Amino acid sequence: MLTVDTDIAGGDWPTATDWPALATAACAAALAQSAHAHVGHAGYAVEVAVRLTTDADVRTLNAQYRHQDKPTNVLSFPMVAADGLDALANDGDGEVLLGDIILAAETCATEAEAKSIALADHARHLIAHGMLHLLGLDHGDDATAAHMEGLETAALATLGLADPYAERN
């Protein structure tokens, strides 16, 4: 069973949005499209943490862990090695921590405005993108990027959202 713990740690995230429900739906949609969909129906709890925070917080994490001293829209920190996902087992307390997804408020808002889409819709996309990273996917070359973008597009379609890559294709 997938559990998504959502924390609004900082930033101007609109209070009218049900961020925990949004994050849970985006993570579940991405998981369902992945080769690891079975994890969502496992006999143990699988937990993802989603943190909504400021550009400053994300910049600090990005500098510390990726050696890039700038904010970015989303960071993902997997807690399970990609090659271990198929062998996930109960870790003794009935829970597996899959990892953390962190979004930067100002960057996300700026990108959403530039794309003329709602911040909530852009956040859904970025959370789904982050979830796929937690599941071992990457976009380091054209082939892996195309595969990951296809999974994102399929996941977002199940949430009623348009293909975020349509204008590039």
C-alpha atoms as a PDB file:
ATOM      1  CA  MET A   1       0.000   0.000   0.000  1.00  0.00           C
ATOM      2  CA  LEU A   2       1.331   3.434  -0.983  1.00  0.00           C
ATOM      3  CA  THR A   3       1.353   6.171   1.644  1.00  0.00           C
ATOM      4  CA  VAL A   4       2.362   9.714   0.765  1.00  0.00           C
ATOM      5  CA  ASP A   5       3.301  12.039   3.611  1.00  0.00           C
ATOM      6  CA  THR A   6       3.027  15.647   2.442  1.00  0.00           C
ATOM      7  CA  ASP A   7       4.609  18.564   4.298  1.00  0.00           C
ATOM      8  CA  ILE A   8       4.298  22.238   3.416  1.00  0.00           C
ATOM      9  CA  ALA A   9       7.541  23.516   4.910  1.00  0.00           C
ATOM     10  CA  GLY A  10       7.622  26.943   3.315  1.00  0.00           C
ATOM     11  CA  GLY A  11       6.788  28.964   0.263  1.00  0.00           C
ATOM     12  CA  ASP A  12       3.575  30.404  -1.083  1.00  0.00           C
ATOM     13  CA  TRP A  13       1.653  27.202  -1.797  1.00  0.00           C
ATOM     14  CA  PRO A  14      -2.047  28.111  -2.224  1.00  0.00           C
ATOM     15  CA  THR A  15      -4.045  26.994   0.797  1.00  0.00           C
ATOM     16  CA  ALA A  16      -7.134  26.271  -1.310  1.00  0.00           C
ATOM     17  CA  THR A  17      -5.371  23.257  -2.855  1.00  0.00           C
ATOM     18  CA  ASP A  18      -5.540  19.909  -1.064  1.00  0.00           C
ATOM     19  CA  TRP A  19      -1.801  19.263  -1.407  1.00  0.00           C
ATOM     20  CA  PRO A  20      -1.790  15.878   0.385  1.00  0.00           C
ATOM     21  CA  ALA A  21      -4.503  14.521  -1.953  1.00  0.00           C
ATOM     22  CA  LEU A  22      -2.763  16.021  -5.001  1.00  0.00           C
ATOM     23  CA  ALA A  23       0.606  14.504  -4.040  1.00  0.00           C
ATOM     24  CA  THR A  24      -0.918  11.105  -3.298  1.00  0.00           C
ATOM     25  CA  ALA A  25      -2.747  11.015  -6.638  1.00  0.00           C
ATOM     26  CA  ALA A  26       0.360  12.068  -8.591  1.00  0.00           C
ATOM     27  CA  CYS A  27       2.581   9.484  -6.873  1.00  0.00           C
ATOM     28  CA  ALA A  28       0.010   6.722  -7.346  1.00  0.00           C
ATOM     29  CA  ALA A  29      -0.485   7.607 -11.030  1.00  0.00           C
ATOM     30  CA  ALA A  30       3.250   7.508 -11.716  1.00  0.00           C
ATOM     31  CA  LEU A  31       3.676   4.263  -9.795  1.00  0.00           C
ATOM     32  CA  ALA A  32       0.825   2.643 -11.730  1.00  0.00           C
ATOM     33  CA  GLN A  33       2.512   3.442 -15.059  1.00  0.00           C
ATOM     34  CA  SER A  34       5.891   2.099 -13.992  1.00  0.00           C
ATOM     35  CA  ALA A  35       7.357  -1.367 -14.196  1.00  0.00           C
ATOM     36  CA  HIS A  36       7.095  -1.414 -10.393  1.00  0.00           C
ATOM     37  CA  ALA A  37       3.317  -0.947 -10.183  1.00  0.00           C
ATOM     38  CA  HIS A  38       3.123  -4.069  -7.997  1.00  0.00           C
ATOM     39  CA  VAL A  39       4.728  -2.088  -5.155  1.00  0.00           C
ATOM     40  CA  GLY A  40       1.471  -0.153  -4.769  1.00  0.00           C
ATOM     41  CA  HIS A  41      -0.379  -3.374  -3.976  1.00  0.00           C
ATOM     42  CA  ALA A  42       2.257  -4.995  -1.800  1.00  0.00           C
ATOM     43  CA  GLY A  43       1.466  -6.537   1.542  1.00  0.00           C
ATOM     44  CA  TYR A  44       3.547  -3.877   3.275  1.00  0.00           C
ATOM     45  CA  ALA A  45       3.422  -0.089   3.434  1.00  0.00           C
ATOM     46  CA  VAL A  46       5.479   1.853   0.914  1.00  0.00           C
ATOM     47  CA  GLU A  47       6.015   5.451   1.951  1.00  0.00           C
ATOM     48  CA  VAL A  48       6.988   8.530  -0.029  1.00  0.00           C
ATOM     49  CA  ALA A  49       7.569  11.939   1.531  1.00  0.00           C
ATOM     50  CA  VAL A  50       6.641  15.022  -0.489  1.00  0.00           C
ATOM     51  CA  ARG A  51       7.936  18.331   0.812  1.00  0.00           C
ATOM     52  CA  LEU A  52       6.713  21.643  -0.579  1.00  0.00           C
ATOM     53  CA  THR A  53       9.152  24.385   0.310  1.00  0.00           C
ATOM     54  CA  THR A  54      10.992  27.485  -0.848  1.00  0.00           C
ATOM     55  CA  ASP A  55      13.523  28.023  -3.602  1.00  0.00           C
ATOM     56  CA  ALA A  56      16.093  28.825  -0.903  1.00  0.00           C
ATOM     57  CA  ASP A  57      15.603  25.421   0.750  1.00  0.00           C
ATOM     58  CA  VAL A  58      15.803  23.605  -2.574  1.00  0.00           C
ATOM     59  CA  ARG A  59      18.872  25.612  -3.576  1.00  0.00           C
ATOM     60  CA  THR A  60      20.617  24.498  -0.379  1.00  0.00           C
ATOM     61  CA  LEU A  61      19.760  20.837  -1.019  1.00  0.00           C
ATOM     62  CA  ASN A  62      20.699  21.097  -4.694  1.00  0.00           C
ATOM     63  CA  ALA A  63      24.088  22.583  -3.784  1.00  0.00           C
ATOM     64  CA  GLN A  64      24.722  20.019  -1.058  1.00  0.00           C
ATOM     65  CA  TYR A  65      23.681  16.879  -2.929  1.00  0.00           C
ATOM     66  CA  ARG A  66      23.993  17.724  -6.628  1.00  0.00           C
ATOM     67  CA  HIS A  67      26.735  20.378  -6.433  1.00  0.00           C
ATOM     68  CA  GLN A  68      24.553  22.860  -8.321  1.00  0.00           C
ATOM     69  CA  ASP A  69      24.202  26.111  -6.406  1.00  0.00           C
ATOM     70  CA  LYS A  70      20.798  27.099  -7.746  1.00  0.00           C
ATOM     71  CA  PRO A  71      17.167  26.241  -7.125  1.00  0.00           C
ATOM     72  CA  THR A  72      15.436  23.712  -9.322  1.00  0.00           C
ATOM     73  CA  ASN A  73      11.780  22.758  -9.630  1.00  0.00           C
ATOM     74  CA  VAL A  74      11.967  19.276  -8.105  1.00  0.00           C
ATOM     75  CA  LEU A  75      14.516  17.111  -6.345  1.00  0.00           C
ATOM     76  CA  SER A  76      14.165  13.392  -5.670  1.00  0.00           C
ATOM     77  CA  PHE A  77      16.084  11.417  -3.092  1.00  0.00           C
ATOM     78  CA  PRO A  78      15.562   7.648  -3.496  1.00  0.00           C
ATOM     79  CA  MET A  79      15.997   5.513  -0.385  1.00  0.00           C
ATOM     80  CA  VAL A  80      15.900   2.203  -2.279  1.00  0.00           C
ATOM     81  CA  ALA A  81      18.375   1.295  -5.019  1.00  0.00           C
ATOM     82  CA  ALA A  82      16.677   0.921  -8.385  1.00  0.00           C
ATOM     83  CA  ASP A  83      17.882  -2.674  -8.745  1.00  0.00           C
ATOM     84  CA  GLY A  84      16.341  -3.525  -5.365  1.00  0.00           C
ATOM     85  CA  LEU A  85      12.813  -2.399  -6.167  1.00  0.00           C
ATOM     86  CA  ASP A  86      11.703  -5.773  -7.497  1.00  0.00           C
ATOM     87  CA  ALA A  87      12.964  -7.470  -4.354  1.00  0.00           C
ATOM     88  CA  LEU A  88      11.402  -5.097  -1.833  1.00  0.00           C
ATOM     89  CA  ALA A  89      10.403  -6.878   1.319  1.00  0.00           C
ATOM     90  CA  ASN A  90       9.088  -5.926   4.673  1.00  0.00           C
ATOM     91  CA  ASP A  91      11.899  -4.147   6.461  1.00  0.00           C
ATOM     92  CA  GLY A  92      10.784  -5.399   9.866  1.00  0.00           C
ATOM     93  CA  ASP A  93       8.235  -2.752  10.780  1.00  0.00           C
ATOM     94  CA  GLY A  94       5.851  -3.227   7.865  1.00  0.00           C
ATOM     95  CA  GLU A  95       7.104  -0.196   5.971  1.00  0.00           C
ATOM     96  CA  VAL A  96       9.528   0.596   3.145  1.00  0.00           C
ATOM     97  CA  LEU A  97      10.634   4.198   2.735  1.00  0.00           C
ATOM     98  CA  LEU A  98      10.854   4.732  -1.026  1.00  0.00           C
ATOM     99  CA  GLY A  99      12.231   8.273  -0.819  1.00  0.00           C
ATOM    100  CA  ASP A 100      11.643  12.009  -0.782  1.00  0.00           C
ATOM    101  CA  ILE A 101      10.351  14.436  -3.413  1.00  0.00           C
ATOM    102  CA  ILE A 102      10.917  18.147  -2.823  1.00  0.00           C
ATOM    103  CA  LEU A 103       9.371  21.008  -4.820  1.00  0.00           C
ATOM    104  CA  ALA A 104      10.456  24.677  -4.855  1.00  0.00           C
ATOM    105  CA  ALA A 105       7.540  27.112  -4.645  1.00  0.00           C
ATOM    106  CA  GLU A 106       8.885  30.097  -6.543  1.00  0.00           C
ATOM    107  CA  THR A 107      10.415  28.069  -9.370  1.00  0.00           C
ATOM    108  CA  CYS A 108       7.260  25.964  -9.761  1.00  0.00           C
ATOM    109  CA  ALA A 109       5.051  29.065  -9.803  1.00  0.00           C
ATOM    110  CA  THR A 110       7.252  30.809 -12.373  1.00  0.00           C
ATOM    111  CA  GLU A 111       7.276  27.739 -14.630  1.00  0.00           C
ATOM    112  CA  ALA A 112       3.501  27.259 -14.325  1.00  0.00           C
ATOM    113  CA  GLU A 113       2.899  30.885 -15.242  1.00  0.00           C
ATOM    114  CA  ALA A 114       5.273  30.652 -18.228  1.00  0.00           C
ATOM    115  CA  LYS A 115       3.389  27.562 -19.445  1.00  0.00           C
ATOM    116  CA  SER A 116      -0.011  29.174 -18.746  1.00  0.00           C
ATOM    117  CA  ILE A 117      -1.060  26.263 -16.544  1.00  0.00           C
ATOM    118  CA  ALA A 118      -2.306  26.075 -12.975  1.00  0.00           C
ATOM    119  CA  LEU A 119       0.337  25.681 -10.285  1.00  0.00           C
ATOM    120  CA  ALA A 120      -1.482  22.587  -8.991  1.00  0.00           C
ATOM    121  CA  ASP A 121      -1.295  20.943 -12.433  1.00  0.00           C
ATOM    122  CA  HIS A 122       2.405  21.737 -12.772  1.00  0.00           C
ATOM    123  CA  ALA A 123       3.020  20.388  -9.267  1.00  0.00           C
ATOM    124  CA  ARG A 124       1.185  17.147 -10.177  1.00  0.00           C
ATOM    125  CA  HIS A 125       3.524  16.757 -13.134  1.00  0.00           C
ATOM    126  CA  LEU A 126       6.643  17.437 -11.067  1.00  0.00           C
ATOM    127  CA  ILE A 127       5.570  15.070  -8.292  1.00  0.00           C
ATOM    128  CA  ALA A 128       4.889  12.313 -10.856  1.00  0.00           C
ATOM    129  CA  HIS A 129       8.302  13.067 -12.404  1.00  0.00           C
ATOM    130  CA  GLY A 130       9.937  12.858  -8.972  1.00  0.00           C
ATOM    131  CA  MET A 131       8.149   9.601  -8.210  1.00  0.00           C
ATOM    132  CA  LEU A 132       9.528   8.047 -11.386  1.00  0.00           C
ATOM    133  CA  HIS A 133      13.013   9.071 -10.249  1.00  0.00           C
ATOM    134  CA  LEU A 134      12.360   7.301  -6.925  1.00  0.00           C
ATOM    135  CA  LEU A 135      11.494   4.227  -8.986  1.00  0.00           C
ATOM    136  CA  GLY A 136      14.868   4.301 -10.727  1.00  0.00           C
ATOM    137  CA  LEU A 137      14.009   6.100 -13.951  1.00  0.00           C
ATOM    138  CA  ASP A 138      16.176   8.836 -15.367  1.00  0.00           C
ATOM    139  CA  HIS A 139      16.397  11.129 -18.382  1.00  0.00           C
ATOM    140  CA  GLY A 140      20.145  11.221 -18.961  1.00  0.00           C
ATOM    141  CA  ASP A 141      19.961  10.534 -22.694  1.00  0.00           C
ATOM    142  CA  ASP A 142      17.383  10.772 -25.460  1.00  0.00           C
ATOM    143  CA  ALA A 143      16.154   7.182 -25.130  1.00  0.00           C
ATOM    144  CA  THR A 144      15.690   7.236 -21.347  1.00  0.00           C
ATOM    145  CA  ALA A 145      14.180  10.737 -21.523  1.00  0.00           C
ATOM    146  CA  ALA A 146      11.635   9.609 -24.125  1.00  0.00           C
ATOM    147  CA  HIS A 147      10.713   6.582 -22.010  1.00  0.00           C
ATOM    148  CA  MET A 148      10.333   8.629 -18.842  1.00  0.00           C
ATOM    149  CA  GLU A 149       8.351  11.348 -20.610  1.00  0.00           C
ATOM    150  CA  GLY A 150       6.004   8.706 -22.003  1.00  0.00           C
ATOM    151  CA  LEU A 151       5.350   7.344 -18.515  1.00  0.00           C
ATOM    152  CA  GLU A 152       4.788  10.855 -17.163  1.00  0.00           C
ATOM    153  CA  THR A 153       2.365  11.653 -19.975  1.00  0.00           C
ATOM    154  CA  ALA A 154       0.422   8.432 -19.364  1.00  0.00           C
ATOM    155  CA  ALA A 155       0.306   9.058 -15.611  1.00  0.00           C
ATOM    156  CA  LEU A 156      -0.888  12.627 -16.076  1.00  0.00           C
ATOM    157  CA  ALA A 157      -3.555  11.496 -18.555  1.00  0.00           C
ATOM    158  CA  THR A 158      -5.061   9.327 -15.795  1.00  0.00           C
ATOM    159  CA  LEU A 159      -5.317  12.532 -13.730  1.00  0.00           C
ATOM    160  CA  GLY A 160      -7.027  14.381 -16.595  1.00  0.00           C
ATOM    161  CA  LEU A 161      -3.968  16.462 -17.486  1.00  0.00           C
ATOM    162  CA  ALA A 162      -2.573  17.193 -20.930  1.00  0.00           C
ATOM    163  CA  ASP A 163       0.786  15.971 -22.206  1.00  0.00           C
ATOM    164  CA  PRO A 164       3.332  18.398 -20.725  1.00  0.00           C
ATOM    165  CA  TYR A 165       5.756  17.612 -23.550  1.00  0.00           C
ATOM    166  CA  ALA A 166       3.279  18.100 -26.425  1.00  0.00           C
ATOM    167  CA  GLU A 167       4.703  21.420 -27.604  1.00  0.00           C
ATOM    168  CA  ARG A 168       8.201  19.887 -27.892  1.00  0.00           C
ATOM    169  CA  ASN A 169       7.091  16.779 -29.825  1.00  0.00           C
END
